[in-house]
PDB file of N, CA and C in Angstrom:
ATOM      1  N   MET A   1      83.182 277.599-117.929  1.00  0.00           N
ATOM      2  CA  MET A   1      84.027 278.030-116.858  1.00  0.00           C
ATOM      3  C   MET A   1      85.431 278.250-117.405  1.00  0.00           C
ATOM      4  N   ARG A   2      85.906 279.467-117.264  1.00  0.00           N
ATOM      5  CA  ARG A   2      87.216 279.821-117.790  1.00  0.00           C
ATOM      6  C   ARG A   2      88.182 280.028-116.638  1.00  0.00           C
ATOM      7  N   PHE A   3      89.409 279.535-116.864  1.00  0.00           N
ATOM      8  CA  PHE A   3      90.466 279.706-115.866  1.00  0.00           C
ATOM      9  C   PHE A   3      91.464 280.718-116.389  1.00  0.00           C
ATOM     10  N   SER A   4      91.947 281.510-115.504  1.00  0.00           N
ATOM     11  CA  SER A   4      92.986 282.458-115.907  1.00  0.00           C
ATOM     12  C   SER A   4      94.307 281.700-116.055  1.00  0.00           C
ATOM     13  N   ILE A   5      95.244 282.302-116.722  1.00  0.00           N
ATOM     14  CA  ILE A   5      96.554 281.679-116.939  1.00  0.00           C
ATOM     15  C   ILE A   5      97.258 281.430-115.609  1.00  0.00           C
ATOM     16  N   ASN A   6      97.071 282.337-114.655  1.00  0.00           N
ATOM     17  CA  ASN A   6      97.677 282.168-113.329  1.00  0.00           C
ATOM     18  C   ASN A   6      97.119 280.935-112.614  1.00  0.00           C
ATOM     19  N   THR A   7      95.827 280.710-112.741  1.00  0.00           N
ATOM     20  CA  THR A   7      95.204 279.552-112.107  1.00  0.00           C
ATOM     21  C   THR A   7      95.721 278.264-112.735  1.00  0.00           C
ATOM     22  N   ILE A   8      95.846 278.246-114.040  1.00  0.00           N
ATOM     23  CA  ILE A   8      96.351 277.062-114.743  1.00  0.00           C
ATOM     24  C   ILE A   8      97.793 276.780-114.330  1.00  0.00           C
ATOM     25  N   ILE A   9      98.610 277.812-114.259  1.00  0.00           N
ATOM     26  CA  ILE A   9     100.008 277.638-113.836  1.00  0.00           C
ATOM     27  C   ILE A   9     100.058 277.114-112.404  1.00  0.00           C
ATOM     28  N   LEU A  10      99.217 277.649-111.535  1.00  0.00           N
ATOM     29  CA  LEU A  10      99.170 277.206-110.145  1.00  0.00           C
ATOM     30  C   LEU A  10      98.765 275.735-110.051  1.00  0.00           C
ATOM     31  N   ILE A  11      97.796 275.314-110.836  1.00  0.00           N
ATOM     32  CA  ILE A  11      97.359 273.912-110.845  1.00  0.00           C
ATOM     33  C   ILE A  11      98.492 273.011-111.330  1.00  0.00           C
ATOM     34  N   ILE A  12      99.167 273.407-112.399  1.00  0.00           N
ATOM     35  CA  ILE A  12     100.283 272.610-112.940  1.00  0.00           C
ATOM     36  C   ILE A  12     101.405 272.503-111.917  1.00  0.00           C
ATOM     37  N   LEU A  13     101.743 273.609-111.272  1.00  0.00           N
ATOM     38  CA  LEU A  13     102.796 273.583-110.257  1.00  0.00           C
ATOM     39  C   LEU A  13     102.399 272.714-109.061  1.00  0.00           C
ATOM     40  N   SER A  14     101.143 272.759-108.672  1.00  0.00           N
ATOM     41  CA  SER A  14     100.665 271.940-107.554  1.00  0.00           C
ATOM     42  C   SER A  14     100.750 270.454-107.894  1.00  0.00           C
ATOM     43  N   ILE A  15     100.342 270.106-109.097  1.00  0.00           N
ATOM     44  CA  ILE A  15     100.430 268.706-109.530  1.00  0.00           C
ATOM     45  C   ILE A  15     101.890 268.263-109.576  1.00  0.00           C
ATOM     46  N   GLY A  16     102.765 269.124-110.079  1.00  0.00           N
ATOM     47  CA  GLY A  16     104.194 268.811-110.124  1.00  0.00           C
ATOM     48  C   GLY A  16     104.772 268.617-108.732  1.00  0.00           C
ATOM     49  N   ALA A  17     104.389 269.489-107.803  1.00  0.00           N
ATOM     50  CA  ALA A  17     104.886 269.379-106.427  1.00  0.00           C
ATOM     51  C   ALA A  17     104.393 268.089-105.780  1.00  0.00           C
ATOM     52  N   LEU A  18     103.139 267.748-105.984  1.00  0.00           N
ATOM     53  CA  LEU A  18     102.600 266.501-105.429  1.00  0.00           C
ATOM     54  C   LEU A  18     103.289 265.285-106.036  1.00  0.00           C
ATOM     55  N   SER A  19     103.550 265.336-107.328  1.00  0.00           N
ATOM     56  CA  SER A  19     104.254 264.230-107.985  1.00  0.00           C
ATOM     57  C   SER A  19     105.665 264.083-107.427  1.00  0.00           C
ATOM     58  N   LEU A  20     106.349 265.188-107.250  1.00  0.00           N
ATOM     59  CA  LEU A  20     107.700 265.167-106.693  1.00  0.00           C
ATOM     60  C   LEU A  20     107.683 264.618-105.269  1.00  0.00           C
ATOM     61  N   PHE A  21     106.723 265.048-104.477  1.00  0.00           N
ATOM     62  CA  PHE A  21     106.587 264.555-103.108  1.00  0.00           C
ATOM     63  C   PHE A  21     106.341 263.046-103.101  1.00  0.00           C
ATOM     64  N   GLY A  22     105.462 262.583-103.972  1.00  0.00           N
ATOM     65  CA  GLY A  22     105.189 261.147-104.069  1.00  0.00           C
ATOM     66  C   GLY A  22     106.422 260.361-104.470  1.00  0.00           C
ATOM     67  N   TYR A  23     107.200 260.886-105.400  1.00  0.00           N
ATOM     68  CA  TYR A  23     108.425 260.218-105.846  1.00  0.00           C
ATOM     69  C   TYR A  23     109.452 260.160-104.721  1.00  0.00           C
ATOM     70  N   ILE A  24     109.566 261.231-103.951  1.00  0.00           N
ATOM     71  CA  ILE A  24     110.494 261.243-102.815  1.00  0.00           C
ATOM     72  C   ILE A  24     110.076 260.208-101.779  1.00  0.00           C
ATOM     73  N   ILE A  25     108.794 260.108-101.494  1.00  0.00           N
ATOM     74  CA  ILE A  25     108.299 259.089-100.556  1.00  0.00           C
ATOM     75  C   ILE A  25     108.626 257.695-101.088  1.00  0.00           C
ATOM     76  N   PHE A  26     108.427 257.479-102.380  1.00  0.00           N
ATOM     77  CA  PHE A  26     108.756 256.195-103.004  1.00  0.00           C
ATOM     78  C   PHE A  26     110.234 255.863-102.818  1.00  0.00           C
ATOM     79  N   LEU A  27     111.122 256.831-103.051  1.00  0.00           N
ATOM     80  CA  LEU A  27     112.562 256.600-102.897  1.00  0.00           C
ATOM     81  C   LEU A  27     112.936 256.309-101.446  1.00  0.00           C
ATOM     82  N   ILE A  28     112.304 256.995-100.516  1.00  0.00           N
ATOM     83  CA  ILE A  28     112.575 256.746 -99.094  1.00  0.00           C
ATOM     84  C   ILE A  28     112.173 255.330 -98.717  1.00  0.00           C
ATOM     85  N   ILE A  29     111.013 254.893 -99.156  1.00  0.00           N
ATOM     86  CA  ILE A  29     110.550 253.534 -98.852  1.00  0.00           C
ATOM     87  C   ILE A  29     111.487 252.509 -99.474  1.00  0.00           C
ATOM     88  N   LYS A  30     111.907 252.746-100.700  1.00  0.00           N
ATOM     89  CA  LYS A  30     112.831 251.830-101.378  1.00  0.00           C
ATOM     90  C   LYS A  30     114.159 251.747-100.627  1.00  0.00           C
ATOM     91  N   ALA A  31     114.681 252.885-100.180  1.00  0.00           N
ATOM     92  CA  ALA A  31     115.942 252.903 -99.429  1.00  0.00           C
ATOM     93  C   ALA A  31     115.792 252.176 -98.094  1.00  0.00           C
ATOM     94  N   LEU A  32     114.674 252.367 -97.422  1.00  0.00           N
ATOM     95  CA  LEU A  32     114.435 251.680 -96.147  1.00  0.00           C
ATOM     96  C   LEU A  32     114.357 250.169 -96.332  1.00  0.00           C
ATOM     97  N   LYS A  33     113.701 249.728 -97.403  1.00  0.00           N
ATOM     98  CA  LYS A  33     113.627 248.288 -97.672  1.00  0.00           C
ATOM     99  C   LYS A  33     115.017 247.710 -97.910  1.00  0.00           C
ATOM    100  N   THR A  34     115.846 248.418 -98.670  1.00  0.00           N
ATOM    101  CA  THR A  34     117.220 247.969 -98.923  1.00  0.00           C
ATOM    102  C   THR A  34     118.006 247.920 -97.623  1.00  0.00           C
ATOM    103  N   TYR A  35     117.849 248.932 -96.789  1.00  0.00           N
ATOM    104  CA  TYR A  35     118.549 248.992 -95.505  1.00  0.00           C
ATOM    105  C   TYR A  35     118.131 247.828 -94.609  1.00  0.00           C
ATOM    106  N   ILE A  36     116.853 247.559 -94.540  1.00  0.00           N
ATOM    107  CA  ILE A  36     116.356 246.472 -93.690  1.00  0.00           C
ATOM    108  C   ILE A  36     116.853 245.125 -94.196  1.00  0.00           C
ATOM    109  N   ARG A  37     116.859 244.915 -95.502  1.00  0.00           N
ATOM    110  CA  ARG A  37     117.314 243.642 -96.067  1.00  0.00           C
ATOM    111  C   ARG A  37     118.804 243.408 -95.859  1.00  0.00           C
ATOM    112  N   SER A  38     119.582 244.468 -95.704  1.00  0.00           N
ATOM    113  CA  SER A  38     121.034 244.315 -95.566  1.00  0.00           C
ATOM    114  C   SER A  38     121.481 244.210 -94.108  1.00  0.00           C
ATOM    115  N   ARG A  39     120.577 243.945 -93.216  1.00  0.00           N
ATOM    116  CA  ARG A  39     120.907 243.865 -91.790  1.00  0.00           C
ATOM    117  C   ARG A  39     121.979 242.819 -91.513  1.00  0.00           C
ATOM    118  N   GLY A  40     121.845 241.652 -92.088  1.00  0.00           N
ATOM    119  CA  GLY A  40     122.820 240.584 -91.871  1.00  0.00           C
ATOM    120  C   GLY A  40     124.214 240.973 -92.323  1.00  0.00           C
ATOM    121  N   VAL A  41     124.297 241.629 -93.457  1.00  0.00           N
ATOM    122  CA  VAL A  41     125.595 242.068 -93.982  1.00  0.00           C
ATOM    123  C   VAL A  41     126.217 243.089 -93.037  1.00  0.00           C
ATOM    124  N   ARG A  42     125.403 244.028 -92.553  1.00  0.00           N
ATOM    125  CA  ARG A  42     125.913 245.043 -91.621  1.00  0.00           C
ATOM    126  C   ARG A  42     126.398 244.402 -90.329  1.00  0.00           C
ATOM    127  N   GLU A  43     125.635 243.460 -89.797  1.00  0.00           N
ATOM    128  CA  GLU A  43     126.032 242.799 -88.554  1.00  0.00           C
ATOM    129  C   GLU A  43     127.323 242.014 -88.741  1.00  0.00           C
ATOM    130  N   GLU A  44     127.466 241.329 -89.864  1.00  0.00           N
ATOM    131  CA  GLU A  44     128.688 240.568 -90.132  1.00  0.00           C
ATOM    132  C   GLU A  44     129.884 241.503 -90.272  1.00  0.00           C
ATOM    133  N   LYS A  45     129.685 242.634 -90.918  1.00  0.00           N
ATOM    134  CA  LYS A  45     130.777 243.597 -91.075  1.00  0.00           C
ATOM    135  C   LYS A  45     131.206 244.138 -89.714  1.00  0.00           C
ATOM    136  N   ILE A  46     130.254 244.436 -88.858  1.00  0.00           N
ATOM    137  CA  ILE A  46     130.577 244.928 -87.515  1.00  0.00           C
ATOM    138  C   ILE A  46     131.321 243.860 -86.736  1.00  0.00           C
ATOM    139  N   LYS A  47     130.854 242.628 -86.829  1.00  0.00           N
ATOM    140  CA  LYS A  47     131.505 241.527 -86.117  1.00  0.00           C
ATOM    141  C   LYS A  47     132.943 241.350 -86.604  1.00  0.00           C
ATOM    142  N   THR A  48     133.128 241.354 -87.909  1.00  0.00           N
ATOM    143  CA  THR A  48     134.467 241.189 -88.478  1.00  0.00           C
ATOM    144  C   THR A  48     135.348 242.376 -88.128  1.00  0.00           C
ATOM    145  N   ALA A  49     134.794 243.592 -88.190  1.00  0.00           N
ATOM    146  CA  ALA A  49     135.590 244.780 -87.865  1.00  0.00           C
ATOM    147  C   ALA A  49     136.057 244.726 -86.419  1.00  0.00           C
ATOM    148  N   LYS A  50     135.165 244.324 -85.517  1.00  0.00           N
ATOM    149  CA  LYS A  50     135.553 244.222 -84.116  1.00  0.00           C
ATOM    150  C   LYS A  50     136.596 243.130 -83.945  1.00  0.00           C
ATOM    151  N   THR A  51     136.427 242.051 -84.669  1.00  0.00           N
ATOM    152  CA  THR A  51     137.383 240.961 -84.570  1.00  0.00           C
ATOM    153  C   THR A  51     138.745 241.404 -85.083  1.00  0.00           C
ATOM    154  N   LEU A  52     138.793 242.134 -86.178  1.00  0.00           N
ATOM    155  CA  LEU A  52     140.060 242.644 -86.691  1.00  0.00           C
ATOM    156  C   LEU A  52     140.699 243.563 -85.660  1.00  0.00           C
ATOM    157  N   GLY A  53     139.905 244.410 -85.045  1.00  0.00           N
ATOM    158  CA  GLY A  53     140.421 245.292 -84.005  1.00  0.00           C
ATOM    159  C   GLY A  53     140.987 244.515 -82.830  1.00  0.00           C
ATOM    160  N   GLU A  54     140.283 243.458 -82.451  1.00  0.00           N
ATOM    161  CA  GLU A  54     140.764 242.628 -81.343  1.00  0.00           C
ATOM    162  C   GLU A  54     142.088 241.961 -81.696  1.00  0.00           C
ATOM    163  N   VAL A  55     142.213 241.486 -82.929  1.00  0.00           N
ATOM    164  CA  VAL A  55     143.458 240.847 -83.375  1.00  0.00           C
ATOM    165  C   VAL A  55     144.597 241.862 -83.366  1.00  0.00           C
ATOM    166  N   LEU A  56     144.337 243.057 -83.883  1.00  0.00           N
ATOM    167  CA  LEU A  56     145.377 244.090 -83.908  1.00  0.00           C
ATOM    168  C   LEU A  56     145.811 244.465 -82.495  1.00  0.00           C
ATOM    169  N   LYS A  57     144.837 244.635 -81.607  1.00  0.00           N
ATOM    170  CA  LYS A  57     145.171 245.000 -80.229  1.00  0.00           C
ATOM    171  C   LYS A  57     145.949 243.884 -79.546  1.00  0.00           C
ATOM    172  N   ALA A  58     145.534 242.637 -79.761  1.00  0.00           N
ATOM    173  CA  ALA A  58     146.228 241.504 -79.138  1.00  0.00           C
ATOM    174  C   ALA A  58     147.693 241.458 -79.578  1.00  0.00           C
ATOM    175  N   HIS A  59     147.942 241.684 -80.849  1.00  0.00           N
ATOM    176  CA  HIS A  59     149.326 241.664 -81.337  1.00  0.00           C
ATOM    177  C   HIS A  59     150.122 242.856 -80.807  1.00  0.00           C
ATOM    178  N   ARG A  60     149.471 244.005 -80.721  1.00  0.00           N
ATOM    179  CA  ARG A  60     150.169 245.181 -80.195  1.00  0.00           C
ATOM    180  C   ARG A  60     150.566 244.953 -78.739  1.00  0.00           C
ATOM    181  N   VAL A  61     149.647 244.430 -77.951  1.00  0.00           N
ATOM    182  CA  VAL A  61     149.932 244.167 -76.536  1.00  0.00           C
ATOM    183  C   VAL A  61     150.987 243.074 -76.403  1.00  0.00           C
ATOM    184  N   LYS A  62     150.860 242.029 -77.225  1.00  0.00           N
ATOM    185  CA  LYS A  62     151.831 240.928 -77.194  1.00  0.00           C
ATOM    186  C   LYS A  62     153.244 241.432 -77.495  1.00  0.00           C
ATOM    187  N   CYS A  63     153.356 242.386 -78.412  1.00  0.00           N
ATOM    188  CA  CYS A  63     154.661 242.959 -78.772  1.00  0.00           C
ATOM    189  C   CYS A  63     155.077 244.081 -77.819  1.00  0.00           C
ATOM    190  N   LYS A  64     154.264 244.321 -76.789  1.00  0.00           N
ATOM    191  CA  LYS A  64     154.540 245.359 -75.779  1.00  0.00           C
ATOM    192  C   LYS A  64     154.737 246.733 -76.418  1.00  0.00           C
ATOM    193  N   MET A  65     153.803 247.083 -77.293  1.00  0.00           N
ATOM    194  CA  MET A  65     153.843 248.383 -77.966  1.00  0.00           C
ATOM    195  C   MET A  65     152.651 249.213 -77.509  1.00  0.00           C
ATOM    196  N   THR A  66     152.835 250.520 -77.495  1.00  0.00           N
ATOM    197  CA  THR A  66     151.723 251.420 -77.207  1.00  0.00           C
ATOM    198  C   THR A  66     151.064 251.828 -78.520  1.00  0.00           C
ATOM    199  N   GLN A  67     149.852 252.355 -78.414  1.00  0.00           N
ATOM    200  CA  GLN A  67     149.184 252.867 -79.609  1.00  0.00           C
ATOM    201  C   GLN A  67     150.012 253.991 -80.225  1.00  0.00           C
ATOM    202  N   GLU A  68     150.607 254.814 -79.382  1.00  0.00           N
ATOM    203  CA  GLU A  68     151.436 255.925 -79.862  1.00  0.00           C
ATOM    204  C   GLU A  68     152.628 255.406 -80.662  1.00  0.00           C
ATOM    205  N   PHE A  69     153.280 254.361 -80.163  1.00  0.00           N
ATOM    206  CA  PHE A  69     154.436 253.794 -80.861  1.00  0.00           C
ATOM    207  C   PHE A  69     154.018 253.238 -82.220  1.00  0.00           C
ATOM    208  N   VAL A  70     152.925 252.479 -82.240  1.00  0.00           N
ATOM    209  CA  VAL A  70     152.432 251.897 -83.496  1.00  0.00           C
ATOM    210  C   VAL A  70     152.097 253.013 -84.484  1.00  0.00           C
ATOM    211  N   ALA A  71     151.424 254.049 -83.996  1.00  0.00           N
ATOM    212  CA  ALA A  71     151.036 255.167 -84.860  1.00  0.00           C
ATOM    213  C   ALA A  71     152.260 255.837 -85.480  1.00  0.00           C
ATOM    214  N   GLU A  72     153.263 256.111 -84.662  1.00  0.00           N
ATOM    215  CA  GLU A  72     154.475 256.761 -85.179  1.00  0.00           C
ATOM    216  C   GLU A  72     155.228 255.846 -86.140  1.00  0.00           C
ATOM    217  N   ALA A  73     155.236 254.555 -85.855  1.00  0.00           N
ATOM    218  CA  ALA A  73     155.980 253.607 -86.687  1.00  0.00           C
ATOM    219  C   ALA A  73     155.400 253.492 -88.097  1.00  0.00           C
ATOM    220  N   ILE A  74     154.076 253.605 -88.218  1.00  0.00           N
ATOM    221  CA  ILE A  74     153.478 253.450 -89.552  1.00  0.00           C
ATOM    222  C   ILE A  74     152.993 254.774 -90.138  1.00  0.00           C
ATOM    223  N   GLY A  75     153.143 255.864 -89.387  1.00  0.00           N
ATOM    224  CA  GLY A  75     152.826 257.182 -89.928  1.00  0.00           C
ATOM    225  C   GLY A  75     151.366 257.570 -89.910  1.00  0.00           C
ATOM    226  N   VAL A  76     150.655 257.183 -88.851  1.00  0.00           N
ATOM    227  CA  VAL A  76     149.260 257.596 -88.691  1.00  0.00           C
ATOM    228  C   VAL A  76     149.102 258.205 -87.299  1.00  0.00           C
ATOM    229  N   SER A  77     147.904 258.688 -87.003  1.00  0.00           N
ATOM    230  CA  SER A  77     147.666 259.259 -85.675  1.00  0.00           C
ATOM    231  C   SER A  77     147.351 258.148 -84.672  1.00  0.00           C
ATOM    232  N   ARG A  78     147.528 258.456 -83.400  1.00  0.00           N
ATOM    233  CA  ARG A  78     147.188 257.498 -82.353  1.00  0.00           C
ATOM    234  C   ARG A  78     145.681 257.227 -82.367  1.00  0.00           C
ATOM    235  N   GLN A  79     144.901 258.261 -82.707  1.00  0.00           N
ATOM    236  CA  GLN A  79     143.449 258.101 -82.774  1.00  0.00           C
ATOM    237  C   GLN A  79     143.058 257.092 -83.852  1.00  0.00           C
ATOM    238  N   ALA A  80     143.800 257.071 -84.958  1.00  0.00           N
ATOM    239  CA  ALA A  80     143.515 256.099 -86.022  1.00  0.00           C
ATOM    240  C   ALA A  80     143.723 254.683 -85.504  1.00  0.00           C
ATOM    241  N   VAL A  81     144.820 254.466 -84.787  1.00  0.00           N
ATOM    242  CA  VAL A  81     145.094 253.139 -84.222  1.00  0.00           C
ATOM    243  C   VAL A  81     143.994 252.767 -83.235  1.00  0.00           C
ATOM    244  N   SER A  82     143.573 253.715 -82.420  1.00  0.00           N
ATOM    245  CA  SER A  82     142.500 253.472 -81.456  1.00  0.00           C
ATOM    246  C   SER A  82     141.203 253.086 -82.162  1.00  0.00           C
ATOM    247  N   LYS A  83     140.878 253.779 -83.249  1.00  0.00           N
ATOM    248  CA  LYS A  83     139.653 253.470 -84.005  1.00  0.00           C
ATOM    249  C   LYS A  83     139.730 252.083 -84.637  1.00  0.00           C
ATOM    250  N   TRP A  84     140.909 251.694 -85.121  1.00  0.00           N
ATOM    251  CA  TRP A  84     141.063 250.351 -85.690  1.00  0.00           C
ATOM    252  C   TRP A  84     140.824 249.301 -84.620  1.00  0.00           C
ATOM    253  N   GLU A  85     141.416 249.514 -83.447  1.00  0.00           N
ATOM    254  CA  GLU A  85     141.305 248.525 -82.376  1.00  0.00           C
ATOM    255  C   GLU A  85     139.892 248.437 -81.811  1.00  0.00           C
ATOM    256  N   SER A  86     139.166 249.541 -81.826  1.00  0.00           N
ATOM    257  CA  SER A  86     137.794 249.521 -81.311  1.00  0.00           C
ATOM    258  C   SER A  86     136.804 249.023 -82.357  1.00  0.00           C
ATOM    259  N   GLY A  87     137.244 248.911 -83.606  1.00  0.00           N
ATOM    260  CA  GLY A  87     136.356 248.451 -84.670  1.00  0.00           C
ATOM    261  C   GLY A  87     135.550 249.568 -85.300  1.00  0.00           C
ATOM    262  N   ALA A  88     135.826 250.823 -84.920  1.00  0.00           N
ATOM    263  CA  ALA A  88     135.087 251.953 -85.492  1.00  0.00           C
ATOM    264  C   ALA A  88     135.406 252.129 -86.973  1.00  0.00           C
ATOM    265  N   THR A  89     136.673 251.882 -87.346  1.00  0.00           N
ATOM    266  CA  THR A  89     137.087 251.942 -88.751  1.00  0.00           C
ATOM    267  C   THR A  89     138.059 250.800 -89.016  1.00  0.00           C
ATOM    268  N   ASP A  90     138.312 250.561 -90.280  1.00  0.00           N
ATOM    269  CA  ASP A  90     139.275 249.533 -90.679  1.00  0.00           C
ATOM    270  C   ASP A  90     140.516 250.201 -91.249  1.00  0.00           C
ATOM    271  N   PRO A  91     141.690 249.614 -91.017  1.00  0.00           N
ATOM    272  CA  PRO A  91     142.898 250.169 -91.632  1.00  0.00           C
ATOM    273  C   PRO A  91     142.886 249.917 -93.138  1.00  0.00           C
ATOM    274  N   SER A  92     143.526 250.805 -93.880  1.00  0.00           N
ATOM    275  CA  SER A  92     143.648 250.599 -95.322  1.00  0.00           C
ATOM    276  C   SER A  92     144.554 249.396 -95.568  1.00  0.00           C
ATOM    277  N   THR A  93     144.567 248.917 -96.787  1.00  0.00           N
ATOM    278  CA  THR A  93     145.422 247.780 -97.135  1.00  0.00           C
ATOM    279  C   THR A  93     146.886 248.102 -96.856  1.00  0.00           C
ATOM    280  N   THR A  94     147.298 249.308 -97.211  1.00  0.00           N
ATOM    281  CA  THR A  94     148.685 249.723 -96.968  1.00  0.00           C
ATOM    282  C   THR A  94     149.002 249.706 -95.477  1.00  0.00           C
ATOM    283  N   ASN A  95     148.096 250.254 -94.674  1.00  0.00           N
ATOM    284  CA  ASN A  95     148.323 250.271 -93.225  1.00  0.00           C
ATOM    285  C   ASN A  95     148.273 248.871 -92.627  1.00  0.00           C
ATOM    286  N   LEU A  96     147.401 248.018 -93.157  1.00  0.00           N
ATOM    287  CA  LEU A  96     147.330 246.642 -92.664  1.00  0.00           C
ATOM    288  C   LEU A  96     148.644 245.912 -92.947  1.00  0.00           C
ATOM    289  N   MET A  97     149.209 246.153 -94.117  1.00  0.00           N
ATOM    290  CA  MET A  97     150.496 245.531 -94.451  1.00  0.00           C
ATOM    291  C   MET A  97     151.601 246.060 -93.533  1.00  0.00           C
ATOM    292  N   ALA A  98     151.574 247.363 -93.250  1.00  0.00           N
ATOM    293  CA  ALA A  98     152.573 247.954 -92.355  1.00  0.00           C
ATOM    294  C   ALA A  98     152.423 247.406 -90.940  1.00  0.00           C
ATOM    295  N   LEU A  99     151.192 247.228 -90.484  1.00  0.00           N
ATOM    296  CA  LEU A  99     150.950 246.662 -89.152  1.00  0.00           C
ATOM    297  C   LEU A  99     151.476 245.236 -89.070  1.00  0.00           C
ATOM    298  N   ALA A 100     151.185 244.452 -90.092  1.00  0.00           N
ATOM    299  CA  ALA A 100     151.651 243.065 -90.102  1.00  0.00           C
ATOM    300  C   ALA A 100     153.171 243.019 -90.026  1.00  0.00           C
ATOM    301  N   LYS A 101     153.826 243.856 -90.806  1.00  0.00           N
ATOM    302  CA  LYS A 101     155.290 243.898 -90.797  1.00  0.00           C
ATOM    303  C   LYS A 101     155.806 244.321 -89.424  1.00  0.00           C
ATOM    304  N   LEU A 102     155.170 245.309 -88.819  1.00  0.00           N
ATOM    305  CA  LEU A 102     155.569 245.790 -87.498  1.00  0.00           C
ATOM    306  C   LEU A 102     155.428 244.692 -86.443  1.00  0.00           C
ATOM    307  N   PHE A 103     154.381 243.876 -86.568  1.00  0.00           N
ATOM    308  CA  PHE A 103     154.144 242.793 -85.609  1.00  0.00           C
ATOM    309  C   PHE A 103     154.928 241.527 -85.958  1.00  0.00           C
ATOM    310  N   GLY A 104     155.670 241.558 -87.062  1.00  0.00           N
ATOM    311  CA  GLY A 104     156.459 240.394 -87.467  1.00  0.00           C
ATOM    312  C   GLY A 104     155.621 239.282 -88.071  1.00  0.00           C
ATOM    313  N   LEU A 105     154.539 239.669 -88.737  1.00  0.00           N
ATOM    314  CA  LEU A 105     153.634 238.705 -89.364  1.00  0.00           C
ATOM    315  C   LEU A 105     153.484 239.043 -90.842  1.00  0.00           C
ATOM    316  N   SER A 106     152.889 238.120 -91.573  1.00  0.00           N
ATOM    317  CA  SER A 106     152.504 238.446 -92.945  1.00  0.00           C
ATOM    318  C   SER A 106     151.065 238.971 -92.895  1.00  0.00           C
ATOM    319  N   PRO A 107     150.679 239.804 -93.858  1.00  0.00           N
ATOM    320  CA  PRO A 107     149.288 240.281 -93.882  1.00  0.00           C
ATOM    321  C   PRO A 107     148.288 239.122 -93.939  1.00  0.00           C
ATOM    322  N   GLU A 108     148.676 238.041 -94.618  1.00  0.00           N
ATOM    323  CA  GLU A 108     147.794 236.880 -94.721  1.00  0.00           C
ATOM    324  C   GLU A 108     147.519 236.276 -93.344  1.00  0.00           C
ATOM    325  N   GLU A 109     148.547 236.262 -92.480  1.00  0.00           N
ATOM    326  CA  GLU A 109     148.359 235.711 -91.137  1.00  0.00           C
ATOM    327  C   GLU A 109     147.366 236.547 -90.327  1.00  0.00           C
ATOM    328  N   LEU A 110     147.449 237.871 -90.462  1.00  0.00           N
ATOM    329  CA  LEU A 110     146.491 238.734 -89.760  1.00  0.00           C
ATOM    330  C   LEU A 110     145.068 238.484 -90.251  1.00  0.00           C
ATOM    331  N   ILE A 111     144.907 238.422 -91.565  1.00  0.00           N
ATOM    332  CA  ILE A 111     143.583 238.184 -92.141  1.00  0.00           C
ATOM    333  C   ILE A 111     143.079 236.806 -91.730  1.00  0.00           C
ATOM    334  N   LYS A 112     143.955 235.812 -91.748  1.00  0.00           N
ATOM    335  CA  LYS A 112     143.558 234.458 -91.373  1.00  0.00           C
ATOM    336  C   LYS A 112     143.065 234.433 -89.929  1.00  0.00           C
ATOM    337  N   GLU A 113     143.758 235.125 -89.028  1.00  0.00           N
ATOM    338  CA  GLU A 113     143.313 235.181 -87.636  1.00  0.00           C
ATOM    339  C   GLU A 113     141.948 235.839 -87.527  1.00  0.00           C
ATOM    340  N   THR A 114     141.733 236.869 -88.314  1.00  0.00           N
ATOM    341  CA  THR A 114     140.441 237.553 -88.309  1.00  0.00           C
ATOM    342  C   THR A 114     139.344 236.609 -88.774  1.00  0.00           C
ATOM    343  N   GLN A 115     139.608 235.861 -89.853  1.00  0.00           N
ATOM    344  CA  GLN A 115     138.608 234.934 -90.377  1.00  0.00           C
ATOM    345  C   GLN A 115     138.343 233.808 -89.391  1.00  0.00           C
ATOM    346  N   GLU A 116     139.384 233.313 -88.729  1.00  0.00           N
ATOM    347  CA  GLU A 116     139.203 232.243 -87.754  1.00  0.00           C
ATOM    348  C   GLU A 116     138.341 232.715 -86.594  1.00  0.00           C
ATOM    349  N   GLN A 117     138.541 233.943 -86.138  1.00  0.00           N
ATOM    350  CA  GLN A 117     137.757 234.449 -85.017  1.00  0.00           C
ATOM    351  C   GLN A 117     136.323 234.728 -85.426  1.00  0.00           C
ATOM    352  N   SER A 118     136.096 235.176 -86.667  1.00  0.00           N
ATOM    353  CA  SER A 118     134.723 235.440 -87.088  1.00  0.00           C
ATOM    354  C   SER A 118     133.965 234.142 -87.342  1.00  0.00           C
ATOM    355  N   ASP A 119     134.682 233.053 -87.653  1.00  0.00           N
ATOM    356  CA  ASP A 119     134.035 231.757 -87.828  1.00  0.00           C
ATOM    357  C   ASP A 119     133.680 231.135 -86.485  1.00  0.00           C
ATOM    358  N   ALA A 120     134.406 231.496 -85.446  1.00  0.00           N
ATOM    359  CA  ALA A 120     134.197 230.902 -84.121  1.00  0.00           C
ATOM    360  C   ALA A 120     132.944 231.406 -83.462  1.00  0.00           C
TER     361      ALA A 120
END
């Protein structure tokens, strides 16, 4: 039984495609396992992020400042301040230091409050 060159090429390409498909499935399963195992880390990060947002909002309200005022004072958008307070994103180190200074605190005090609330 003789195969033409086209048939041989088609068989090789089919085997290659199946191998690639199998490897992609393997990578997807591996990524899902990693994602599932990191659930605790993700939950802790969300909890801490929300806690940081709550601390920032509490200090802003205590100082009788609006989100707009805070944003203009440190040079970011009002939406950025809103995202920090809601826990959607975290402020950069530079912005966290600017916020602490604006609220009359040290950055360490802000972080300490965040850690105390996440421990509670």
